[in-house]
C-alpha cells in the first residue's frame, strides 16, 4: 500500500473519531437545553470552569444560542464523519469538505475556548489536535499524490 493511501486511511480514522465525539457533544448539549439546564450545557462545553460559577438564571435567548451551538456541533460532526468514508478512498471533495467544516469549527474552538482558558486539554484540545492531524495527513496525501501524477 502506498504511503499516501496509508495517510488517507489514518486521516479517515481521525475524522471518524472527531465526528463521533462532536455528534455526541451536540446531542448532549441539545439534551441539556431541552431539559432547560443551560448551566450543564455550558459546563459540558467549558469544562475547565467551576460549575458553581455557571449556576444562574440565564435568559431564554442564552439557551437558544447554546442550543444552536449544540445543533452545529451535531451537524459538523456528522458531515466530517460521513466525509471520513470518502477520504478513505481518496476523494478530493471529501478531503476539502472535512477540512473546511471540521477545521474551521476547531479554529473557532481554539481561538475562543482554548486560548480563553475555558477548557481542559482532554477532550477539547486533543480533538483540535486530532482534526489538525487529519487535515495535515489528508492534504499531504492529496498534494503529494497530485505532484506524483503530474
N, C-alpha and C. Protein backbone atom coordinates (compact mmCIF):
# COMPACT_ATOMS: atom_id res chain seq x y z
N UNK A 1 0.85 -1.18 0.00
CA UNK A 1 0.00 0.00 0.00
C UNK A 1 0.90 1.24 0.00
N UNK A 2 0.56 2.19 -0.86
CA UNK A 2 1.35 3.40 -0.95
C UNK A 2 1.20 4.24 0.32
N UNK A 3 2.24 5.01 0.59
CA UNK A 3 2.25 5.85 1.79
C UNK A 3 1.09 6.83 1.78
N UNK A 4 0.75 7.39 0.62
CA UNK A 4 -0.35 8.35 0.57
C UNK A 4 -1.68 7.68 0.96
N UNK A 5 -1.87 6.43 0.54
CA UNK A 5 -3.09 5.71 0.90
C UNK A 5 -3.15 5.46 2.41
N UNK A 6 -2.02 5.16 3.00
CA UNK A 6 -1.97 4.96 4.46
C UNK A 6 -2.32 6.26 5.18
N UNK A 7 -1.77 7.38 4.70
CA UNK A 7 -2.07 8.67 5.32
C UNK A 7 -3.57 9.00 5.21
N UNK A 8 -4.17 8.68 4.08
CA UNK A 8 -5.60 8.93 3.91
C UNK A 8 -6.43 8.06 4.86
N UNK A 9 -6.01 6.84 5.05
CA UNK A 9 -6.74 5.94 5.96
C UNK A 9 -6.61 6.40 7.42
N UNK A 10 -5.42 6.86 7.79
CA UNK A 10 -5.24 7.39 9.15
C UNK A 10 -6.08 8.65 9.33
N UNK A 11 -6.06 9.53 8.32
CA UNK A 11 -6.87 10.75 8.38
C UNK A 11 -8.36 10.41 8.51
N UNK A 12 -8.79 9.41 7.76
CA UNK A 12 -10.20 9.00 7.82
C UNK A 12 -10.57 8.51 9.22
N UNK A 13 -9.70 7.71 9.81
CA UNK A 13 -9.96 7.21 11.17
C UNK A 13 -10.02 8.37 12.16
N UNK A 14 -9.12 9.34 12.00
CA UNK A 14 -9.13 10.51 12.88
C UNK A 14 -10.44 11.30 12.73
N UNK A 15 -10.91 11.46 11.49
CA UNK A 15 -12.17 12.17 11.27
C UNK A 15 -13.36 11.38 11.82
N UNK A 16 -13.30 10.07 11.76
CA UNK A 16 -14.38 9.26 12.35
C UNK A 16 -14.45 9.51 13.85
N UNK A 17 -13.31 9.47 14.50
CA UNK A 17 -13.26 9.73 15.95
C UNK A 17 -13.76 11.13 16.24
N UNK A 18 -13.23 12.10 15.53
CA UNK A 18 -13.59 13.51 15.74
C UNK A 18 -15.10 13.70 15.51
N UNK A 19 -15.61 13.09 14.44
CA UNK A 19 -17.03 13.23 14.13
C UNK A 19 -17.92 12.63 15.21
N UNK A 20 -17.58 11.45 15.68
CA UNK A 20 -18.38 10.80 16.73
C UNK A 20 -18.39 11.64 17.99
N UNK A 21 -17.23 12.15 18.39
CA UNK A 21 -17.15 12.99 19.60
C UNK A 21 -18.03 14.23 19.45
N UNK A 22 -18.02 14.84 18.28
CA UNK A 22 -18.80 16.07 18.09
C UNK A 22 -20.29 15.80 17.93
N UNK A 23 -20.66 14.71 17.31
CA UNK A 23 -22.08 14.34 17.27
C UNK A 23 -22.58 14.13 18.70
N UNK A 24 -21.83 13.40 19.49
CA UNK A 24 -22.20 13.14 20.89
C UNK A 24 -22.29 14.45 21.67
N UNK A 25 -21.30 15.33 21.52
CA UNK A 25 -21.31 16.61 22.23
C UNK A 25 -22.53 17.44 21.82
N UNK A 26 -22.86 17.41 20.55
CA UNK A 26 -24.04 18.15 20.09
C UNK A 26 -25.32 17.60 20.67
N UNK A 27 -25.45 16.28 20.67
CA UNK A 27 -26.65 15.65 21.22
C UNK A 27 -26.78 15.97 22.71
N UNK A 28 -25.69 15.86 23.45
CA UNK A 28 -25.74 16.15 24.89
C UNK A 28 -26.07 17.61 25.16
N UNK A 29 -25.49 18.51 24.39
CA UNK A 29 -25.78 19.94 24.56
C UNK A 29 -27.26 20.21 24.29
N UNK A 30 -27.79 19.67 23.20
CA UNK A 30 -29.21 19.87 22.89
C UNK A 30 -30.10 19.21 23.93
N UNK A 31 -29.68 18.07 24.46
CA UNK A 31 -30.46 17.38 25.51
C UNK A 31 -30.58 18.27 26.75
N UNK A 32 -29.45 18.83 27.19
CA UNK A 32 -29.49 19.70 28.37
C UNK A 32 -30.36 20.94 28.13
N UNK A 33 -30.24 21.52 26.94
CA UNK A 33 -31.05 22.70 26.62
C UNK A 33 -32.52 22.31 26.60
N UNK A 34 -32.82 21.14 26.03
CA UNK A 34 -34.21 20.66 26.00
C UNK A 34 -34.79 20.47 27.38
N UNK A 35 -33.93 20.16 28.35
CA UNK A 35 -34.37 19.98 29.74
C UNK A 35 -34.35 21.31 30.50
N UNK A 36 -33.96 22.39 29.82
CA UNK A 36 -33.89 23.69 30.47
C UNK A 36 -32.66 23.86 31.36
N UNK A 37 -31.67 23.00 31.20
CA UNK A 37 -30.48 23.03 32.04
C UNK A 37 -29.32 23.70 31.29
N UNK A 38 -29.39 25.02 31.17
CA UNK A 38 -28.38 25.77 30.43
C UNK A 38 -27.02 25.65 31.11
N UNK A 39 -26.99 25.68 32.43
CA UNK A 39 -25.72 25.61 33.15
C UNK A 39 -24.96 24.33 32.82
N UNK A 40 -25.65 23.20 32.76
CA UNK A 40 -24.98 21.93 32.43
C UNK A 40 -24.50 21.92 30.98
N UNK A 41 -25.28 22.53 30.09
CA UNK A 41 -24.87 22.61 28.68
C UNK A 41 -23.59 23.44 28.56
N UNK A 42 -23.55 24.59 29.24
CA UNK A 42 -22.36 25.44 29.20
C UNK A 42 -21.20 24.73 29.88
N UNK A 43 -21.45 24.10 31.01
CA UNK A 43 -20.40 23.37 31.72
C UNK A 43 -19.84 22.21 30.93
N UNK A 44 -20.66 21.58 30.11
CA UNK A 44 -20.19 20.49 29.27
C UNK A 44 -19.25 20.98 28.19
N UNK A 45 -19.43 22.21 27.78
CA UNK A 45 -18.57 22.80 26.75
C UNK A 45 -17.32 23.41 27.39
N UNK A 46 -17.55 24.26 28.38
CA UNK A 46 -16.45 24.94 29.08
C UNK A 46 -16.12 24.13 30.34
N UNK A 47 -15.49 22.97 30.14
CA UNK A 47 -15.33 22.01 31.23
C UNK A 47 -14.26 22.37 32.26
N UNK A 48 -13.50 23.41 32.01
CA UNK A 48 -12.49 23.83 32.99
C UNK A 48 -13.06 24.84 33.99
N UNK A 49 -14.22 25.38 33.67
CA UNK A 49 -14.86 26.39 34.50
C UNK A 49 -15.54 25.71 35.69
N UNK A 50 -15.42 26.31 36.85
CA UNK A 50 -16.07 25.79 38.06
C UNK A 50 -17.59 25.79 37.84
N UNK A 51 -18.22 24.61 37.90
CA UNK A 51 -19.66 24.51 37.65
C UNK A 51 -20.50 25.42 38.56
N UNK A 52 -20.02 25.69 39.75
CA UNK A 52 -20.77 26.55 40.67
C UNK A 52 -20.92 27.96 40.11
N UNK A 53 -19.92 28.41 39.34
CA UNK A 53 -20.00 29.77 38.78
C UNK A 53 -20.98 29.86 37.62
N UNK A 54 -21.43 28.72 37.12
CA UNK A 54 -22.37 28.71 36.00
C UNK A 54 -23.82 28.64 36.44
N UNK A 55 -24.06 28.42 37.72
CA UNK A 55 -25.42 28.31 38.23
C UNK A 55 -26.02 29.71 38.38
N UNK A 56 -26.91 30.05 37.48
CA UNK A 56 -27.58 31.35 37.50
C UNK A 56 -28.82 31.27 36.64
N UNK A 57 -29.59 32.33 36.68
CA UNK A 57 -30.79 32.42 35.84
C UNK A 57 -30.36 32.97 34.48
N UNK A 58 -30.37 32.12 33.47
CA UNK A 58 -30.00 32.53 32.13
C UNK A 58 -31.23 33.02 31.38
N UNK A 59 -31.08 34.04 30.56
CA UNK A 59 -32.21 34.43 29.71
C UNK A 59 -32.50 33.33 28.69
N UNK A 60 -33.73 33.25 28.25
CA UNK A 60 -34.12 32.22 27.29
C UNK A 60 -33.26 32.29 26.03
N UNK A 61 -32.87 33.49 25.63
CA UNK A 61 -32.05 33.65 24.43
C UNK A 61 -30.70 32.94 24.58
N UNK A 62 -30.14 32.93 25.78
CA UNK A 62 -28.87 32.23 26.01
C UNK A 62 -29.05 30.74 25.75
N UNK A 63 -30.17 30.19 26.19
CA UNK A 63 -30.46 28.79 25.91
C UNK A 63 -30.59 28.53 24.42
N UNK A 64 -31.18 29.49 23.71
CA UNK A 64 -31.29 29.37 22.26
C UNK A 64 -29.93 29.36 21.58
N UNK A 65 -29.06 30.24 22.03
CA UNK A 65 -27.72 30.32 21.44
C UNK A 65 -26.94 29.03 21.71
N UNK A 66 -27.02 28.54 22.95
CA UNK A 66 -26.31 27.30 23.30
C UNK A 66 -26.94 26.11 22.57
N UNK A 67 -28.25 26.11 22.43
CA UNK A 67 -28.92 25.05 21.67
C UNK A 67 -28.49 25.05 20.22
N UNK A 68 -28.37 26.24 19.63
CA UNK A 68 -27.89 26.35 18.25
C UNK A 68 -26.46 25.81 18.16
N UNK A 69 -25.64 26.12 19.15
CA UNK A 69 -24.27 25.60 19.18
C UNK A 69 -24.28 24.07 19.21
N UNK A 70 -25.16 23.49 20.02
CA UNK A 70 -25.28 22.04 20.08
C UNK A 70 -25.68 21.45 18.73
N UNK A 71 -26.63 22.11 18.07
CA UNK A 71 -27.04 21.64 16.74
C UNK A 71 -25.87 21.73 15.77
N UNK A 72 -25.10 22.82 15.84
CA UNK A 72 -23.93 22.97 14.96
C UNK A 72 -22.89 21.90 15.24
N UNK A 73 -22.64 21.60 16.51
CA UNK A 73 -21.72 20.51 16.85
C UNK A 73 -22.19 19.21 16.22
N UNK A 74 -23.49 18.96 16.29
CA UNK A 74 -24.06 17.73 15.75
C UNK A 74 -23.83 17.62 14.24
N UNK A 75 -24.25 18.66 13.49
CA UNK A 75 -24.14 18.53 12.03
C UNK A 75 -22.69 18.59 11.56
N UNK A 76 -21.84 19.36 12.23
CA UNK A 76 -20.43 19.40 11.86
C UNK A 76 -19.79 18.02 12.08
N UNK A 77 -20.12 17.40 13.20
CA UNK A 77 -19.62 16.06 13.47
C UNK A 77 -20.13 15.05 12.45
N UNK A 78 -21.39 15.17 12.09
CA UNK A 78 -21.98 14.24 11.12
C UNK A 78 -21.35 14.40 9.74
N UNK A 79 -21.14 15.63 9.31
CA UNK A 79 -20.53 15.86 7.99
C UNK A 79 -19.11 15.29 7.95
N UNK A 80 -18.31 15.56 8.98
CA UNK A 80 -16.94 15.05 8.97
C UNK A 80 -16.91 13.52 9.07
N UNK A 81 -17.84 12.96 9.83
CA UNK A 81 -17.95 11.51 9.95
C UNK A 81 -18.23 10.88 8.58
N UNK A 82 -19.18 11.44 7.86
CA UNK A 82 -19.51 10.92 6.53
C UNK A 82 -18.35 11.12 5.57
N UNK A 83 -17.72 12.29 5.62
CA UNK A 83 -16.57 12.56 4.75
C UNK A 83 -15.46 11.53 4.95
N UNK A 84 -15.30 11.07 6.18
CA UNK A 84 -14.21 10.15 6.50
C UNK A 84 -14.23 8.91 5.60
N UNK A 85 -15.41 8.40 5.30
CA UNK A 85 -15.51 7.19 4.48
C UNK A 85 -15.08 7.45 3.04
N UNK A 86 -15.28 8.68 2.58
CA UNK A 86 -14.84 9.05 1.24
C UNK A 86 -13.35 9.41 1.23
N UNK A 87 -12.86 9.97 2.32
CA UNK A 87 -11.43 10.26 2.44
C UNK A 87 -10.65 8.95 2.38
N UNK A 88 -11.17 7.92 3.02
CA UNK A 88 -10.55 6.59 3.00
C UNK A 88 -10.24 6.18 1.56
N UNK A 89 -11.15 6.53 0.65
CA UNK A 89 -10.99 6.16 -0.76
C UNK A 89 -10.25 7.23 -1.57
N UNK A 90 -9.84 8.32 -0.90
CA UNK A 90 -9.06 9.35 -1.58
C UNK A 90 -9.87 10.41 -2.29
N UNK A 91 -11.13 10.57 -1.93
CA UNK A 91 -11.99 11.54 -2.59
C UNK A 91 -11.56 12.97 -2.24
N UNK A 92 -11.19 13.72 -3.27
CA UNK A 92 -10.71 15.09 -3.09
C UNK A 92 -11.75 15.99 -2.44
N UNK A 93 -13.00 15.91 -2.89
CA UNK A 93 -14.03 16.78 -2.33
C UNK A 93 -14.24 16.53 -0.84
N UNK A 94 -14.20 15.27 -0.44
CA UNK A 94 -14.37 14.94 0.98
C UNK A 94 -13.20 15.45 1.81
N UNK A 95 -11.99 15.35 1.26
CA UNK A 95 -10.81 15.85 1.97
C UNK A 95 -10.99 17.33 2.29
N UNK A 96 -11.40 18.10 1.27
CA UNK A 96 -11.55 19.54 1.46
C UNK A 96 -12.78 19.91 2.27
N UNK A 97 -13.88 19.17 2.10
CA UNK A 97 -15.08 19.47 2.89
C UNK A 97 -14.83 19.23 4.38
N UNK A 98 -14.22 18.12 4.72
CA UNK A 98 -13.91 17.83 6.13
C UNK A 98 -12.96 18.87 6.70
N UNK A 99 -11.97 19.26 5.90
CA UNK A 99 -11.00 20.27 6.37
C UNK A 99 -11.68 21.61 6.62
N UNK A 100 -12.57 21.99 5.73
CA UNK A 100 -13.26 23.28 5.89
C UNK A 100 -14.21 23.23 7.08
N UNK A 101 -15.07 22.22 7.11
CA UNK A 101 -16.09 22.14 8.16
C UNK A 101 -15.45 21.87 9.52
N UNK A 102 -14.70 20.80 9.64
CA UNK A 102 -14.09 20.45 10.93
C UNK A 102 -12.98 21.40 11.31
N UNK A 103 -12.17 21.79 10.33
CA UNK A 103 -11.05 22.68 10.62
C UNK A 103 -11.48 24.05 11.09
N UNK A 104 -12.47 24.63 10.42
CA UNK A 104 -12.93 25.96 10.84
C UNK A 104 -13.68 25.90 12.17
N UNK A 105 -14.41 24.81 12.40
CA UNK A 105 -15.08 24.66 13.70
C UNK A 105 -14.03 24.61 14.81
N UNK A 106 -12.97 23.86 14.60
CA UNK A 106 -11.93 23.77 15.62
C UNK A 106 -11.08 25.03 15.72
N UNK A 107 -10.97 25.78 14.65
CA UNK A 107 -10.26 27.05 14.74
C UNK A 107 -10.99 27.99 15.70
N UNK A 108 -12.30 28.07 15.56
CA UNK A 108 -13.10 28.89 16.49
C UNK A 108 -12.98 28.39 17.91
N UNK A 109 -13.01 27.09 18.08
CA UNK A 109 -12.86 26.48 19.40
C UNK A 109 -11.51 26.85 20.01
N UNK A 110 -10.46 26.73 19.20
CA UNK A 110 -9.12 27.04 19.68
C UNK A 110 -9.01 28.52 20.08
N UNK A 111 -9.51 29.40 19.23
CA UNK A 111 -9.38 30.84 19.49
C UNK A 111 -10.16 31.29 20.73
N UNK A 112 -11.37 30.77 20.89
CA UNK A 112 -12.24 31.29 21.96
C UNK A 112 -12.29 30.42 23.21
N UNK A 113 -12.08 29.13 23.06
CA UNK A 113 -12.17 28.25 24.23
C UNK A 113 -10.78 27.90 24.78
N UNK A 114 -9.92 27.37 23.91
CA UNK A 114 -8.56 27.02 24.34
C UNK A 114 -7.79 28.24 24.81
N UNK A 115 -7.66 29.22 23.94
CA UNK A 115 -6.90 30.41 24.30
C UNK A 115 -7.58 31.20 25.42
N UNK A 116 -8.89 31.06 25.54
CA UNK A 116 -9.61 31.72 26.63
C UNK A 116 -9.41 31.03 27.97
N UNK A 117 -8.87 29.82 27.95
CA UNK A 117 -8.61 29.08 29.18
C UNK A 117 -9.84 28.44 29.80
N UNK A 118 -10.87 28.16 28.97
CA UNK A 118 -12.13 27.64 29.49
C UNK A 118 -12.27 26.13 29.42
N UNK A 119 -11.28 25.46 28.82
CA UNK A 119 -11.42 24.02 28.60
C UNK A 119 -10.18 23.25 29.06
N UNK A 120 -10.42 22.01 29.42
CA UNK A 120 -9.33 21.10 29.76
C UNK A 120 -8.69 20.56 28.49
N UNK A 121 -7.47 20.06 28.64
CA UNK A 121 -6.75 19.51 27.49
C UNK A 121 -7.50 18.33 26.87
N UNK A 122 -8.04 17.47 27.72
CA UNK A 122 -8.83 16.31 27.27
C UNK A 122 -10.29 16.59 27.62
N UNK A 123 -11.20 16.52 26.71
CA UNK A 123 -11.08 16.06 25.33
C UNK A 123 -10.87 17.18 24.31
N UNK A 124 -11.17 18.41 24.70
CA UNK A 124 -11.23 19.52 23.75
C UNK A 124 -9.98 19.78 22.94
N UNK A 125 -8.89 20.06 23.61
CA UNK A 125 -7.65 20.37 22.90
C UNK A 125 -7.17 19.15 22.12
N UNK A 126 -7.38 17.98 22.67
CA UNK A 126 -6.99 16.75 21.96
C UNK A 126 -7.76 16.65 20.64
N UNK A 127 -9.04 16.99 20.66
CA UNK A 127 -9.84 16.94 19.43
C UNK A 127 -9.35 17.95 18.41
N UNK A 128 -8.87 19.09 18.86
CA UNK A 128 -8.29 20.08 17.94
C UNK A 128 -7.03 19.49 17.30
N UNK A 129 -6.22 18.81 18.08
CA UNK A 129 -5.03 18.16 17.54
C UNK A 129 -5.39 17.03 16.58
N UNK A 130 -6.48 16.31 16.88
CA UNK A 130 -6.94 15.24 16.00
C UNK A 130 -7.36 15.81 14.65
N UNK A 131 -8.15 16.88 14.66
CA UNK A 131 -8.58 17.45 13.38
C UNK A 131 -7.41 18.05 12.61
N UNK A 132 -6.50 18.73 13.31
CA UNK A 132 -5.32 19.29 12.63
C UNK A 132 -4.48 18.17 12.00
N UNK A 133 -4.32 17.08 12.71
CA UNK A 133 -3.56 15.94 12.18
C UNK A 133 -4.25 15.34 10.96
N UNK A 134 -5.58 15.22 11.02
CA UNK A 134 -6.34 14.68 9.88
C UNK A 134 -6.19 15.58 8.66
N UNK A 135 -6.24 16.88 8.89
CA UNK A 135 -6.09 17.83 7.77
C UNK A 135 -4.70 17.73 7.17
N UNK A 136 -3.69 17.74 8.01
CA UNK A 136 -2.30 17.68 7.53
C UNK A 136 -2.04 16.39 6.76
N UNK A 137 -2.47 15.26 7.33
CA UNK A 137 -2.24 13.97 6.67
C UNK A 137 -2.97 13.88 5.33
N UNK A 138 -4.24 14.29 5.31
CA UNK A 138 -5.00 14.18 4.07
C UNK A 138 -4.50 15.16 3.01
N UNK A 139 -4.13 16.38 3.42
CA UNK A 139 -3.57 17.33 2.46
C UNK A 139 -2.23 16.83 1.92
N UNK A 140 -1.41 16.31 2.80
CA UNK A 140 -0.12 15.78 2.35
C UNK A 140 -0.34 14.66 1.33
N UNK A 141 -1.24 13.76 1.65
CA UNK A 141 -1.51 12.63 0.73
C UNK A 141 -2.07 13.15 -0.59
N UNK A 142 -3.00 14.08 -0.53
CA UNK A 142 -3.61 14.59 -1.76
C UNK A 142 -2.59 15.34 -2.62
N UNK A 143 -1.87 16.26 -2.01
CA UNK A 143 -0.95 17.08 -2.80
C UNK A 143 0.29 16.32 -3.25
N UNK A 144 0.77 15.37 -2.46
CA UNK A 144 1.91 14.59 -2.92
C UNK A 144 1.46 13.61 -4.01
N UNK A 145 0.24 13.14 -3.94
CA UNK A 145 -0.30 12.27 -5.00
C UNK A 145 -0.50 13.03 -6.29
N UNK A 146 -0.90 14.29 -6.19
CA UNK A 146 -1.10 15.13 -7.38
C UNK A 146 0.22 15.41 -8.07
N UNK A 147 1.23 15.73 -7.27
CA UNK A 147 2.54 16.07 -7.88
C UNK A 147 3.18 14.82 -8.49
N UNK A 148 2.91 13.65 -7.92
CA UNK A 148 3.46 12.40 -8.48
C UNK A 148 2.76 12.05 -9.79
N UNK A 149 1.49 12.46 -9.91
CA UNK A 149 0.73 12.15 -11.12
C UNK A 149 1.07 13.12 -12.26
N UNK A 150 1.65 14.28 -11.93
CA UNK A 150 1.97 15.29 -12.95
C UNK A 150 3.14 14.89 -13.80
